[in-house]
C-alpha atoms as a PDB file:
ATOM      1  CA  UNK A   1      78.677-161.348-250.121  1.00  0.00           C
ATOM      2  CA  UNK A   2      75.571-161.770-247.986  1.00  0.00           C
ATOM      3  CA  UNK A   3      72.919-164.168-249.239  1.00  0.00           C
ATOM      4  CA  UNK A   4      70.285-161.755-247.900  1.00  0.00           C
ATOM      5  CA  UNK A   5      70.088-157.982-247.821  1.00  0.00           C
ATOM      6  CA  UNK A   6      71.228-156.602-244.488  1.00  0.00           C
ATOM      7  CA  UNK A   7      68.589-154.774-242.456  1.00  0.00           C
ATOM      8  CA  UNK A   8      69.034-151.072-241.734  1.00  0.00           C
ATOM      9  CA  UNK A   9      70.312-151.587-238.184  1.00  0.00           C
ATOM     10  CA  UNK A  10      73.397-153.370-239.505  1.00  0.00           C
ATOM     11  CA  UNK A  11      74.861-150.395-241.326  1.00  0.00           C
ATOM     12  CA  UNK A  12      78.316-149.704-239.921  1.00  0.00           C
ATOM     13  CA  UNK A  13      80.402-146.555-240.179  1.00  0.00           C
ATOM     14  CA  UNK A  14      82.507-146.395-243.327  1.00  0.00           C
ATOM     15  CA  UNK A  15      86.295-146.168-242.853  1.00  0.00           C
ATOM     16  CA  UNK A  16      87.696-142.664-243.067  1.00  0.00           C
ATOM     17  CA  UNK A  17      89.012-139.608-241.264  1.00  0.00           C
ATOM     18  CA  UNK A  18      92.377-138.717-239.723  1.00  0.00           C
ATOM     19  CA  UNK A  19      92.128-141.264-236.925  1.00  0.00           C
ATOM     20  CA  UNK A  20      91.464-144.108-239.324  1.00  0.00           C
ATOM     21  CA  UNK A  21      94.316-143.067-241.605  1.00  0.00           C
ATOM     22  CA  UNK A  22      96.753-142.729-238.703  1.00  0.00           C
ATOM     23  CA  UNK A  23      95.833-146.145-237.307  1.00  0.00           C
ATOM     24  CA  UNK A  24      96.264-147.755-240.710  1.00  0.00           C
ATOM     25  CA  UNK A  25      99.690-146.167-241.159  1.00  0.00           C
ATOM     26  CA  UNK A  26     100.826-147.470-237.772  1.00  0.00           C
ATOM     27  CA  UNK A  27      99.555-150.996-238.457  1.00  0.00           C
ATOM     28  CA  UNK A  28     101.261-151.052-241.852  1.00  0.00           C
ATOM     29  CA  UNK A  29     104.510-149.511-240.590  1.00  0.00           C
ATOM     30  CA  UNK A  30     104.839-152.089-237.816  1.00  0.00           C
ATOM     31  CA  UNK A  31     103.946-154.970-240.162  1.00  0.00           C
ATOM     32  CA  UNK A  32     101.113-156.004-237.866  1.00  0.00           C
ATOM     33  CA  UNK A  33      98.074-158.125-238.604  1.00  0.00           C
ATOM     34  CA  UNK A  34      94.719-157.098-237.185  1.00  0.00           C
ATOM     35  CA  UNK A  35      91.624-159.194-236.734  1.00  0.00           C
ATOM     36  CA  UNK A  36      89.742-156.080-237.840  1.00  0.00           C
ATOM     37  CA  UNK A  37      91.045-156.616-241.376  1.00  0.00           C
ATOM     38  CA  UNK A  38      91.466-160.398-241.493  1.00  0.00           C
ATOM     39  CA  UNK A  39      88.006-161.153-240.088  1.00  0.00           C
ATOM     40  CA  UNK A  40      86.305-158.342-242.037  1.00  0.00           C
ATOM     41  CA  UNK A  41      84.971-156.733-238.870  1.00  0.00           C
ATOM     42  CA  UNK A  42      82.063-154.334-239.570  1.00  0.00           C
ATOM     43  CA  UNK A  43      83.328-151.947-236.888  1.00  0.00           C
ATOM     44  CA  UNK A  44      86.761-151.362-238.425  1.00  0.00           C
ATOM     45  CA  UNK A  45      85.916-147.810-239.477  1.00  0.00           C
ATOM     46  CA  UNK A  46      84.624-146.756-236.065  1.00  0.00           C
ATOM     47  CA  UNK A  47      87.360-148.421-234.025  1.00  0.00           C
ATOM     48  CA  UNK A  48      90.249-147.253-236.192  1.00  0.00           C
ATOM     49  CA  UNK A  49      88.838-143.731-236.116  1.00  0.00           C
ATOM     50  CA  UNK A  50      89.078-143.976-232.310  1.00  0.00           C
ATOM     51  CA  UNK A  51      92.709-145.041-232.663  1.00  0.00           C
ATOM     52  CA  UNK A  52      92.086-148.598-231.447  1.00  0.00           C
ATOM     53  CA  UNK A  53      92.704-151.892-233.204  1.00  0.00           C
ATOM     54  CA  UNK A  54      92.785-155.539-232.161  1.00  0.00           C
ATOM     55  CA  UNK A  55      96.209-156.901-233.022  1.00  0.00           C
ATOM     56  CA  UNK A  56      96.386-160.480-234.270  1.00  0.00           C
ATOM     57  CA  UNK A  57      99.639-162.276-233.472  1.00  0.00           C
ATOM     58  CA  UNK A  58     101.180-165.506-234.794  1.00  0.00           C
ATOM     59  CA  UNK A  59     100.530-164.569-238.411  1.00  0.00           C
ATOM     60  CA  UNK A  60      97.332-164.289-240.415  1.00  0.00           C
ATOM     61  CA  UNK A  61      96.907-167.892-241.578  1.00  0.00           C
ATOM     62  CA  UNK A  62      94.962-170.235-239.295  1.00  0.00           C
ATOM     63  CA  UNK A  63      95.341-174.000-238.964  1.00  0.00           C
ATOM     64  CA  UNK A  64      91.588-174.345-238.460  1.00  0.00           C
ATOM     65  CA  UNK A  65      88.755-173.850-240.913  1.00  0.00           C
ATOM     66  CA  UNK A  66      85.759-172.529-239.006  1.00  0.00           C
ATOM     67  CA  UNK A  67      82.752-172.076-241.261  1.00  0.00           C
ATOM     68  CA  UNK A  68      81.879-168.624-239.925  1.00  0.00           C
ATOM     69  CA  UNK A  69      85.309-166.996-240.039  1.00  0.00           C
ATOM     70  CA  UNK A  70      86.928-164.950-242.820  1.00  0.00           C
ATOM     71  CA  UNK A  71      90.515-165.559-241.666  1.00  0.00           C
ATOM     72  CA  UNK A  72      92.532-167.557-244.207  1.00  0.00           C
ATOM     73  CA  UNK A  73      93.222-171.245-243.556  1.00  0.00           C
ATOM     74  CA  UNK A  74      96.383-173.029-244.650  1.00  0.00           C
ATOM     75  CA  UNK A  75     100.033-173.601-243.834  1.00  0.00           C
ATOM     76  CA  UNK A  76     101.081-170.894-241.353  1.00  0.00           C
ATOM     77  CA  UNK A  77     104.138-168.720-241.799  1.00  0.00           C
ATOM     78  CA  UNK A  78     107.319-169.035-239.749  1.00  0.00           C
ATOM     79  CA  UNK A  79     107.211-167.509-236.292  1.00  0.00           C
ATOM     80  CA  UNK A  80     108.174-163.833-236.247  1.00  0.00           C
ATOM     81  CA  UNK A  81     110.408-163.398-233.208  1.00  0.00           C
ATOM     82  CA  UNK A  82     110.290-159.617-233.503  1.00  0.00           C
ATOM     83  CA  UNK A  83     106.510-159.474-233.348  1.00  0.00           C
ATOM     84  CA  UNK A  84     106.074-159.053-229.556  1.00  0.00           C
ATOM     85  CA  UNK A  85     108.315-155.971-229.527  1.00  0.00           C
ATOM     86  CA  UNK A  86     106.522-154.428-232.518  1.00  0.00           C
ATOM     87  CA  UNK A  87     103.140-154.993-230.904  1.00  0.00           C
ATOM     88  CA  UNK A  88     104.338-153.354-227.685  1.00  0.00           C
ATOM     89  CA  UNK A  89     105.693-150.421-229.696  1.00  0.00           C
ATOM     90  CA  UNK A  90     102.376-149.985-231.510  1.00  0.00           C
ATOM     91  CA  UNK A  91     100.438-150.005-228.220  1.00  0.00           C
ATOM     92  CA  UNK A  92     102.775-147.284-226.926  1.00  0.00           C
ATOM     93  CA  UNK A  93     102.402-145.130-230.045  1.00  0.00           C
ATOM     94  CA  UNK A  94      98.632-145.462-229.937  1.00  0.00           C
ATOM     95  CA  UNK A  95      98.757-144.551-226.241  1.00  0.00           C
ATOM     96  CA  UNK A  96      96.238-147.283-225.519  1.00  0.00           C
ATOM     97  CA  UNK A  97      94.950-147.599-221.990  1.00  0.00           C
ATOM     98  CA  UNK A  98      93.226-150.868-222.910  1.00  0.00           C
ATOM     99  CA  UNK A  99      94.580-153.114-225.661  1.00  0.00           C
ATOM    100  CA  UNK A 100      93.184-156.332-227.120  1.00  0.00           C
ATOM    101  CA  UNK A 101      95.390-159.078-228.550  1.00  0.00           C
ATOM    102  CA  UNK A 102      94.124-162.126-230.418  1.00  0.00           C
ATOM    103  CA  UNK A 103      95.649-164.805-232.635  1.00  0.00           C
ATOM    104  CA  UNK A 104      95.004-167.429-235.231  1.00  0.00           C
ATOM    105  CA  UNK A 105      95.051-171.045-234.066  1.00  0.00           C
ATOM    106  CA  UNK A 106      98.508-172.583-234.440  1.00  0.00           C
ATOM    107  CA  UNK A 107      97.800-176.251-233.794  1.00  0.00           C
ATOM    108  CA  UNK A 108     101.032-177.303-235.514  1.00  0.00           C
ATOM    109  CA  UNK A 109     103.169-175.698-232.789  1.00  0.00           C
ATOM    110  CA  UNK A 110     104.098-177.778-229.755  1.00  0.00           C
ATOM    111  CA  UNK A 111     102.536-175.267-227.343  1.00  0.00           C
ATOM    112  CA  UNK A 112      99.926-173.886-229.737  1.00  0.00           C
ATOM    113  CA  UNK A 113     101.752-170.557-229.745  1.00  0.00           C
ATOM    114  CA  UNK A 114     101.384-170.027-225.990  1.00  0.00           C
ATOM    115  CA  UNK A 115     105.009-168.938-225.549  1.00  0.00           C
ATOM    116  CA  UNK A 116     104.571-166.213-228.178  1.00  0.00           C
ATOM    117  CA  UNK A 117     101.402-165.126-226.423  1.00  0.00           C
ATOM    118  CA  UNK A 118     103.306-164.835-223.146  1.00  0.00           C
ATOM    119  CA  UNK A 119     106.188-162.945-224.760  1.00  0.00           C
ATOM    120  CA  UNK A 120     103.747-160.480-226.318  1.00  0.00           C
ATOM    121  CA  UNK A 121     101.902-159.830-223.055  1.00  0.00           C
ATOM    122  CA  UNK A 122     105.176-159.276-221.200  1.00  0.00           C
ATOM    123  CA  UNK A 123     106.534-156.976-223.918  1.00  0.00           C
ATOM    124  CA  UNK A 124     103.385-154.855-223.792  1.00  0.00           C
ATOM    125  CA  UNK A 125     103.491-154.746-220.002  1.00  0.00           C
ATOM    126  CA  UNK A 126     107.169-153.736-219.950  1.00  0.00           C
ATOM    127  CA  UNK A 127     106.701-150.847-222.370  1.00  0.00           C
ATOM    128  CA  UNK A 128     103.172-149.900-221.290  1.00  0.00           C
ATOM    129  CA  UNK A 129     102.921-150.640-217.550  1.00  0.00           C
ATOM    130  CA  UNK A 130      99.632-148.778-217.122  1.00  0.00           C
ATOM    131  CA  UNK A 131      97.817-150.378-220.072  1.00  0.00           C
ATOM    132  CA  UNK A 132      95.129-152.996-219.418  1.00  0.00           C
ATOM    133  CA  UNK A 133      95.764-156.095-221.534  1.00  0.00           C
ATOM    134  CA  UNK A 134      92.872-158.204-222.802  1.00  0.00           C
ATOM    135  CA  UNK A 135      93.583-161.461-224.619  1.00  0.00           C
ATOM    136  CA  UNK A 136      91.233-163.338-226.948  1.00  0.00           C
ATOM    137  CA  UNK A 137      92.795-166.765-227.309  1.00  0.00           C
ATOM    138  CA  UNK A 138      92.202-170.010-229.185  1.00  0.00           C
ATOM    139  CA  UNK A 139      91.413-173.092-227.094  1.00  0.00           C
ATOM    140  CA  UNK A 140      94.952-174.593-227.144  1.00  0.00           C
ATOM    141  CA  UNK A 141      93.151-177.936-227.580  1.00  0.00           C
ATOM    142  CA  UNK A 142      92.125-177.608-223.945  1.00  0.00           C
ATOM    143  CA  UNK A 143      95.705-178.137-222.735  1.00  0.00           C
ATOM    144  CA  UNK A 144      95.809-176.383-219.366  1.00  0.00           C
ATOM    145  CA  UNK A 145      99.617-176.367-219.285  1.00  0.00           C
ATOM    146  CA  UNK A 146      99.626-174.257-222.447  1.00  0.00           C
ATOM    147  CA  UNK A 147      96.816-172.042-221.182  1.00  0.00           C
ATOM    148  CA  UNK A 148      98.832-171.515-218.007  1.00  0.00           C
ATOM    149  CA  UNK A 149     101.777-170.212-220.040  1.00  0.00           C
ATOM    150  CA  UNK A 150      99.482-167.404-221.209  1.00  0.00           C
ATOM    151  CA  UNK A 151      97.949-166.842-217.785  1.00  0.00           C
ATOM    152  CA  UNK A 152     101.351-166.744-216.099  1.00  0.00           C
ATOM    153  CA  UNK A 153     102.101-163.612-218.148  1.00  0.00           C
ATOM    154  CA  UNK A 154      99.175-162.026-216.254  1.00  0.00           C
ATOM    155  CA  UNK A 155      96.772-160.487-218.752  1.00  0.00           C
ATOM    156  CA  UNK A 156      94.046-158.375-217.175  1.00  0.00           C
ATOM    157  CA  UNK A 157      91.161-160.061-219.009  1.00  0.00           C
ATOM    158  CA  UNK A 158      91.078-163.561-220.498  1.00  0.00           C
ATOM    159  CA  UNK A 159      88.618-164.098-223.341  1.00  0.00           C
ATOM    160  CA  UNK A 160      87.799-167.272-225.231  1.00  0.00           C
ATOM    161  CA  UNK A 161      84.623-167.424-227.295  1.00  0.00           C
ATOM    162  CA  UNK A 162      82.010-170.171-227.343  1.00  0.00           C
ATOM    163  CA  UNK A 163      80.823-168.625-230.648  1.00  0.00           C
ATOM    164  CA  UNK A 164      77.500-170.503-230.782  1.00  0.00           C
ATOM    165  CA  UNK A 165      75.194-172.893-228.942  1.00  0.00           C
ATOM    166  CA  UNK A 166      76.237-176.470-228.220  1.00  0.00           C
ATOM    167  CA  UNK A 167      74.204-178.118-231.002  1.00  0.00           C
ATOM    168  CA  UNK A 168      75.768-175.948-233.709  1.00  0.00           C
ATOM    169  CA  UNK A 169      79.403-176.312-232.667  1.00  0.00           C
ATOM    170  CA  UNK A 170      80.345-178.893-235.305  1.00  0.00           C
ATOM    171  CA  UNK A 171      78.877-177.134-238.354  1.00  0.00           C
ATOM    172  CA  UNK A 172      80.124-173.730-237.179  1.00  0.00           C
ATOM    173  CA  UNK A 173      83.615-174.618-235.898  1.00  0.00           C
ATOM    174  CA  UNK A 174      84.311-178.235-236.687  1.00  0.00           C
ATOM    175  CA  UNK A 175      87.639-178.502-234.836  1.00  0.00           C
ATOM    176  CA  UNK A 176      86.352-177.042-231.574  1.00  0.00           C
ATOM    177  CA  UNK A 177      84.166-178.407-228.793  1.00  0.00           C
ATOM    178  CA  UNK A 178      81.590-176.622-226.643  1.00  0.00           C
ATOM    179  CA  UNK A 179      82.616-178.233-223.358  1.00  0.00           C
ATOM    180  CA  UNK A 180      86.298-177.797-224.145  1.00  0.00           C
ATOM    181  CA  UNK A 181      85.803-174.077-224.701  1.00  0.00           C
ATOM    182  CA  UNK A 182      83.856-173.827-221.468  1.00  0.00           C
ATOM    183  CA  UNK A 183      86.666-175.615-219.647  1.00  0.00           C
ATOM    184  CA  UNK A 184      89.198-173.111-221.010  1.00  0.00           C
ATOM    185  CA  UNK A 185      87.236-170.187-219.570  1.00  0.00           C
ATOM    186  CA  UNK A 186      86.592-172.029-216.298  1.00  0.00           C
ATOM    187  CA  UNK A 187      90.298-172.735-215.920  1.00  0.00           C
ATOM    188  CA  UNK A 188      91.159-169.055-216.235  1.00  0.00           C
ATOM    189  CA  UNK A 189      88.436-168.201-213.721  1.00  0.00           C
ATOM    190  CA  UNK A 190      89.761-170.838-211.299  1.00  0.00           C
ATOM    191  CA  UNK A 191      93.062-168.973-211.313  1.00  0.00           C
ATOM    192  CA  UNK A 192      91.377-165.717-210.388  1.00  0.00           C
ATOM    193  CA  UNK A 193      91.283-163.981-213.767  1.00  0.00           C
ATOM    194  CA  UNK A 194      88.510-161.778-215.106  1.00  0.00           C
ATOM    195  CA  UNK A 195      86.936-163.892-217.859  1.00  0.00           C
ATOM    196  CA  UNK A 196      84.972-163.160-220.990  1.00  0.00           C
ATOM    197  CA  UNK A 197      83.267-165.066-223.784  1.00  0.00           C
ATOM    198  CA  UNK A 198      81.000-164.349-226.736  1.00  0.00           C
ATOM    199  CA  UNK A 199      78.334-165.846-228.974  1.00  0.00           C
ATOM    200  CA  UNK A 200      76.757-164.998-232.326  1.00  0.00           C
ATOM    201  CA  UNK A 201      73.086-165.043-233.252  1.00  0.00           C
ATOM    202  CA  UNK A 202      71.753-165.914-236.683  1.00  0.00           C
ATOM    203  CA  UNK A 203      73.293-169.356-237.181  1.00  0.00           C
ATOM    204  CA  UNK A 204      70.119-171.374-236.656  1.00  0.00           C
ATOM    205  CA  UNK A 205      69.976-171.447-232.869  1.00  0.00           C
ATOM    206  CA  UNK A 206      66.682-171.508-230.963  1.00  0.00           C
ATOM    207  CA  UNK A 207      65.554-169.276-228.118  1.00  0.00           C
ATOM    208  CA  UNK A 208      65.836-172.193-225.700  1.00  0.00           C
ATOM    209  CA  UNK A 209      69.396-172.906-226.836  1.00  0.00           C
ATOM    210  CA  UNK A 210      70.453-169.292-226.327  1.00  0.00           C
ATOM    211  CA  UNK A 211      68.938-169.372-222.845  1.00  0.00           C
ATOM    212  CA  UNK A 212      70.831-172.556-221.991  1.00  0.00           C
ATOM    213  CA  UNK A 213      74.088-171.163-223.350  1.00  0.00           C
ATOM    214  CA  UNK A 214      73.778-168.050-221.215  1.00  0.00           C
ATOM    215  CA  UNK A 215      72.934-170.220-218.202  1.00  0.00           C
ATOM    216  CA  UNK A 216      76.085-172.253-218.881  1.00  0.00           C
ATOM    217  CA  UNK A 217      78.142-169.072-219.147  1.00  0.00           C
ATOM    218  CA  UNK A 218      76.695-167.804-215.870  1.00  0.00           C
ATOM    219  CA  UNK A 219      77.368-171.127-214.132  1.00  0.00           C
ATOM    220  CA  UNK A 220      81.006-170.858-215.239  1.00  0.00           C
ATOM    221  CA  UNK A 221      81.183-167.516-213.373  1.00  0.00           C
ATOM    222  CA  UNK A 222      82.146-165.691-216.569  1.00  0.00           C
ATOM    223  CA  UNK A 223      82.362-161.942-215.969  1.00  0.00           C
ATOM    224  CA  UNK A 224      81.747-160.445-219.427  1.00  0.00           C
ATOM    225  CA  UNK A 225      79.677-161.708-222.365  1.00  0.00           C
ATOM    226  CA  UNK A 226      79.346-160.298-225.871  1.00  0.00           C
ATOM    227  CA  UNK A 227      76.404-161.134-228.140  1.00  0.00           C
ATOM    228  CA  UNK A 228      76.365-160.080-231.792  1.00  0.00           C
ATOM    229  CA  UNK A 229      74.841-160.875-235.173  1.00  0.00           C
ATOM    230  CA  UNK A 230      76.587-163.409-237.419  1.00  0.00           C
ATOM    231  CA  UNK A 231      77.524-161.943-240.810  1.00  0.00           C
ATOM    232  CA  UNK A 232      78.418-164.249-243.705  1.00  0.00           C
ATOM    233  CA  UNK A 233      81.930-163.263-244.895  1.00  0.00           C
ATOM    234  CA  UNK A 234      81.754-164.929-248.333  1.00  0.00           C
ATOM    235  CA  UNK A 235      79.456-167.214-250.307  1.00  0.00           C
ATOM    236  CA  UNK A 236      81.605-170.159-249.162  1.00  0.00           C
ATOM    237  CA  UNK A 237      80.755-169.580-245.515  1.00  0.00           C
ATOM    238  CA  UNK A 238      77.615-170.507-243.613  1.00  0.00           C
ATOM    239  CA  UNK A 239      74.597-168.467-244.698  1.00  0.00           C
ATOM    240  CA  UNK A 240      72.811-166.186-242.270  1.00  0.00           C
ATOM    241  CA  UNK A 241      69.830-168.116-240.905  1.00  0.00           C
ATOM    242  CA  UNK A 242      68.069-165.004-239.609  1.00  0.00           C
ATOM    243  CA  UNK A 243      68.586-161.379-238.658  1.00  0.00           C
ATOM    244  CA  UNK A 244      68.029-160.891-234.939  1.00  0.00           C
ATOM    245  CA  UNK A 245      66.179-157.579-234.400  1.00  0.00           C
ATOM    246  CA  UNK A 246      67.500-154.909-232.003  1.00  0.00           C
ATOM    247  CA  UNK A 247      64.880-155.701-229.366  1.00  0.00           C
ATOM    248  CA  UNK A 248      66.092-159.302-229.191  1.00  0.00           C
ATOM    249  CA  UNK A 249      69.588-158.140-228.295  1.00  0.00           C
ATOM    250  CA  UNK A 250      68.076-155.996-225.536  1.00  0.00           C
ATOM    251  CA  UNK A 251      66.207-159.052-224.255  1.00  0.00           C
ATOM    252  CA  UNK A 252      69.343-161.203-224.114  1.00  0.00           C
ATOM    253  CA  UNK A 253      71.260-158.474-222.333  1.00  0.00           C
ATOM    254  CA  UNK A 254      68.573-158.269-219.669  1.00  0.00           C
ATOM    255  CA  UNK A 255      68.391-162.054-219.415  1.00  0.00           C
ATOM    256  CA  UNK A 256      72.161-162.405-219.036  1.00  0.00           C
ATOM    257  CA  UNK A 257      72.290-159.752-216.348  1.00  0.00           C
ATOM    258  CA  UNK A 258      69.422-161.463-214.507  1.00  0.00           C
ATOM    259  CA  UNK A 259      71.577-164.605-214.339  1.00  0.00           C
ATOM    260  CA  UNK A 260      74.293-162.683-212.526  1.00  0.00           C
ATOM    261  CA  UNK A 261      76.691-162.118-215.419  1.00  0.00           C
ATOM    262  CA  UNK A 262      78.551-158.901-214.602  1.00  0.00           C
ATOM    263  CA  UNK A 263      78.590-157.266-218.032  1.00  0.00           C
ATOM    264  CA  UNK A 264      76.544-158.222-221.106  1.00  0.00           C
ATOM    265  CA  UNK A 265      77.331-156.296-224.296  1.00  0.00           C
ATOM    266  CA  UNK A 266      74.569-157.200-226.737  1.00  0.00           C
ATOM    267  CA  UNK A 267      73.860-155.690-230.150  1.00  0.00           C
ATOM    268  CA  UNK A 268      73.883-156.580-233.821  1.00  0.00           C
ATOM    269  CA  UNK A 269      77.333-155.086-234.476  1.00  0.00           C
ATOM    270  CA  UNK A 270      78.875-156.130-231.169  1.00  0.00           C
ATOM    271  CA  UNK A 271      82.092-158.117-231.505  1.00  0.00           C
ATOM    272  CA  UNK A 272      84.507-159.420-228.861  1.00  0.00           C
ATOM    273  CA  UNK A 273      86.739-156.363-228.869  1.00  0.00           C
ATOM    274  CA  UNK A 274      84.154-153.717-229.798  1.00  0.00           C
ATOM    275  CA  UNK A 275      84.464-150.999-227.133  1.00  0.00           C
ATOM    276  CA  UNK A 276      86.279-153.582-225.013  1.00  0.00           C
ATOM    277  CA  UNK A 277      87.595-150.841-222.747  1.00  0.00           C
ATOM    278  CA  UNK A 278      84.031-149.782-221.911  1.00  0.00           C
ATOM    279  CA  UNK A 279      82.909-153.389-221.360  1.00  0.00           C
ATOM    280  CA  UNK A 280      85.709-154.015-218.892  1.00  0.00           C
ATOM    281  CA  UNK A 281      85.721-150.734-216.968  1.00  0.00           C
ATOM    282  CA  UNK A 282      83.980-152.496-214.043  1.00  0.00           C
ATOM    283  CA  UNK A 283      87.050-154.724-213.699  1.00  0.00           C
ATOM    284  CA  UNK A 284      89.975-152.568-214.875  1.00  0.00           C
ATOM    285  CA  UNK A 285      88.814-149.100-213.816  1.00  0.00           C
ATOM    286  CA  UNK A 286      87.754-145.950-215.683  1.00  0.00           C
ATOM    287  CA  UNK A 287      91.381-144.853-216.081  1.00  0.00           C
ATOM    288  CA  UNK A 288      91.767-147.614-218.707  1.00  0.00           C
ATOM    289  CA  UNK A 289      89.172-146.096-221.050  1.00  0.00           C
ATOM    290  CA  UNK A 290      90.602-145.202-224.473  1.00  0.00           C
ATOM    291  CA  UNK A 291      89.148-141.703-224.369  1.00  0.00           C
ATOM    292  CA  UNK A 292      91.113-139.949-227.108  1.00  0.00           C
ATOM    293  CA  UNK A 293      92.711-140.747-230.425  1.00  0.00           C
ATOM    294  CA  UNK A 294      96.386-140.135-229.734  1.00  0.00           C
ATOM    295  CA  UNK A 295      97.316-140.874-233.339  1.00  0.00           C
ATOM    296  CA  UNK A 296      94.977-138.343-234.896  1.00  0.00           C
ATOM    297  CA  UNK A 297      96.114-135.708-232.419  1.00  0.00           C
ATOM    298  CA  UNK A 298      99.810-136.273-233.100  1.00  0.00           C
END
């Protein structure tokens, strides 16, 4: 429940149609978790209708308790060794040219789940050699050896979100650190990967803090940035401090581009994986656009 009524520009498409139904059947049949469902993404209806979904690996229970996130916190489930193959199979059935994989944080695992990440990337690549693979990872506590396990599997785009400005890191995501998250993205860039990060507006940040955050992102040579509106998942989560109007998102897009950031996707309903294929076309090529809903057509 939102503590304030949402403005008109935040009305998302309701789930429905043959594409949505086909995507849901595939997700359920393969026993997959999606961040679309677990994080209550407002774009679920639109994306599933297109036949795209962001698969969440390593279960659906997170070891962290970020105050903005709807994903459940608690004791994670046992590792599912068959998950990488099922994810690869789902990508093939959806005929995705660009897929996005994310995960919960698994801080209790020795490598933070990095080996499962690598196995999933390799399984997708083996079964779908022409599919672009984008990963949205946790910070692995900043451990570069664990990050390298993921990078060694060679995803096409490496994404790790800053989420908010430096001052608000502790109240928004208490177990994370601004500089640590920056170092994760910088490390991937130092190894030659296309990098991506994202922030939310509406958590109490100031104009000056947004400017500084985008300057930091630009100085880290990050290629793609997403900027969206924070939405309060439940009454237990942080309240929305303000609704950023559409023209503000236009301003931040222009500002980010002026700093030299390659792609800035900025809008109230923008999320990390929203139209990710279109965001990344500059780096992966137009042939990776998910142009048709293979599920609805089948």
